Amino acid sequence: MILETVFGIFLTIAGGGDKSVDPASVIIKGIQTTNKIKEKKKTDELNASMHEEFYQMTKDIIYKTYYKGGQ
């Protein structure tokens, strides 16, 4: 993975094709993509947490209704 990163940076600076590439814009796009990935992970963790909490509440309601109410 480190080798690919170094090679990618080298190609960005040296210009790996016919088109001119601005290294600053590539770095900014990389930072924005990293921030989007972090935000997505936070959202997924929050959704998983909310799902677990809903599951626990439902289980508690069923337990209280079935076992406590039936006696």
Protein backbone atom coordinates (compact mmCIF):
# COMPACT_ATOMS: atom_id res chain seq x y z
CA MET A 1 0.00 0.00 0.00
CA ILE A 2 2.85 2.36 0.76
CA LEU A 3 4.43 1.60 -2.59
CA GLU A 4 1.22 2.50 -4.44
CA THR A 5 0.94 5.75 -2.50
CA VAL A 6 4.50 6.77 -3.29
CA PHE A 7 4.06 5.82 -6.94
CA GLY A 8 0.78 7.79 -7.13
CA ILE A 9 2.37 10.89 -5.61
CA PHE A 10 5.28 10.57 -8.05
CA LEU A 11 2.93 10.32 -11.03
CA THR A 12 0.91 13.27 -9.77
CA ILE A 13 3.95 15.50 -9.49
CA ALA A 14 5.72 14.22 -12.62
CA GLY A 15 2.57 14.22 -14.74
CA GLY A 16 1.70 10.67 -15.70
CA GLY A 17 -0.18 11.54 -18.85
CA ASP A 18 -0.85 14.12 -21.53
CA LYS A 19 -3.03 16.20 -19.24
CA SER A 20 -1.51 18.57 -16.69
CA VAL A 21 -2.49 17.74 -13.10
CA ASP A 22 -2.45 20.24 -10.27
CA PRO A 23 -1.05 18.46 -7.17
CA ALA A 24 -2.88 20.82 -4.81
CA SER A 25 -6.28 19.95 -6.28
CA VAL A 26 -5.48 16.23 -6.01
CA ILE A 27 -4.57 16.64 -2.34
CA ILE A 28 -7.74 18.65 -1.65
CA LYS A 29 -9.89 16.00 -3.37
CA GLY A 30 -8.16 13.32 -1.29
CA ILE A 31 -8.85 15.18 1.94
CA GLN A 32 -12.50 15.71 0.97
CA THR A 33 -12.88 12.02 0.12
CA THR A 34 -11.32 11.04 3.45
CA ASN A 35 -13.75 13.32 5.31
CA LYS A 36 -16.71 11.79 3.43
CA ILE A 37 -15.53 8.29 4.37
CA LYS A 38 -15.18 9.27 8.05
CA GLU A 39 -18.65 10.84 8.05
CA LYS A 40 -20.11 7.70 6.44
CA LYS A 41 -18.52 5.52 9.13
CA LYS A 42 -19.95 7.74 11.88
CA THR A 43 -23.40 7.53 10.28
CA ASP A 44 -23.17 3.73 9.98
CA GLU A 45 -22.11 3.42 13.62
CA LEU A 46 -24.99 5.65 14.69
CA ASN A 47 -27.49 3.64 12.64
CA ALA A 48 -26.18 0.38 14.10
CA SER A 49 -26.41 1.82 17.60
CA MET A 50 -29.98 3.02 17.06
CA HIS A 51 -30.94 -0.37 15.63
CA GLU A 52 -29.48 -2.16 18.64
CA GLU A 53 -31.29 0.18 21.05
CA PHE A 54 -34.61 -0.36 19.24
CA TYR A 55 -34.07 -4.12 19.35
CA GLN A 56 -33.34 -4.01 23.09
CA MET A 57 -36.43 -1.88 23.80
CA THR A 58 -38.64 -4.21 21.76
CA LYS A 59 -37.24 -7.23 23.57
CA ASP A 60 -37.86 -5.57 26.96
CA ILE A 61 -41.46 -4.70 26.04
CA ILE A 62 -42.16 -8.26 24.88
CA TYR A 63 -40.56 -9.68 28.03
CA LYS A 64 -42.54 -7.38 30.34
CA THR A 65 -45.81 -7.99 28.50
CA TYR A 66 -45.49 -11.76 28.14
CA TYR A 67 -43.77 -12.82 31.33
CA LYS A 68 -44.92 -10.17 33.81
CA GLY A 69 -48.42 -9.61 32.50
CA GLY A 70 -49.32 -13.26 32.10
CA GLN A 71 -48.79 -14.16 35.73
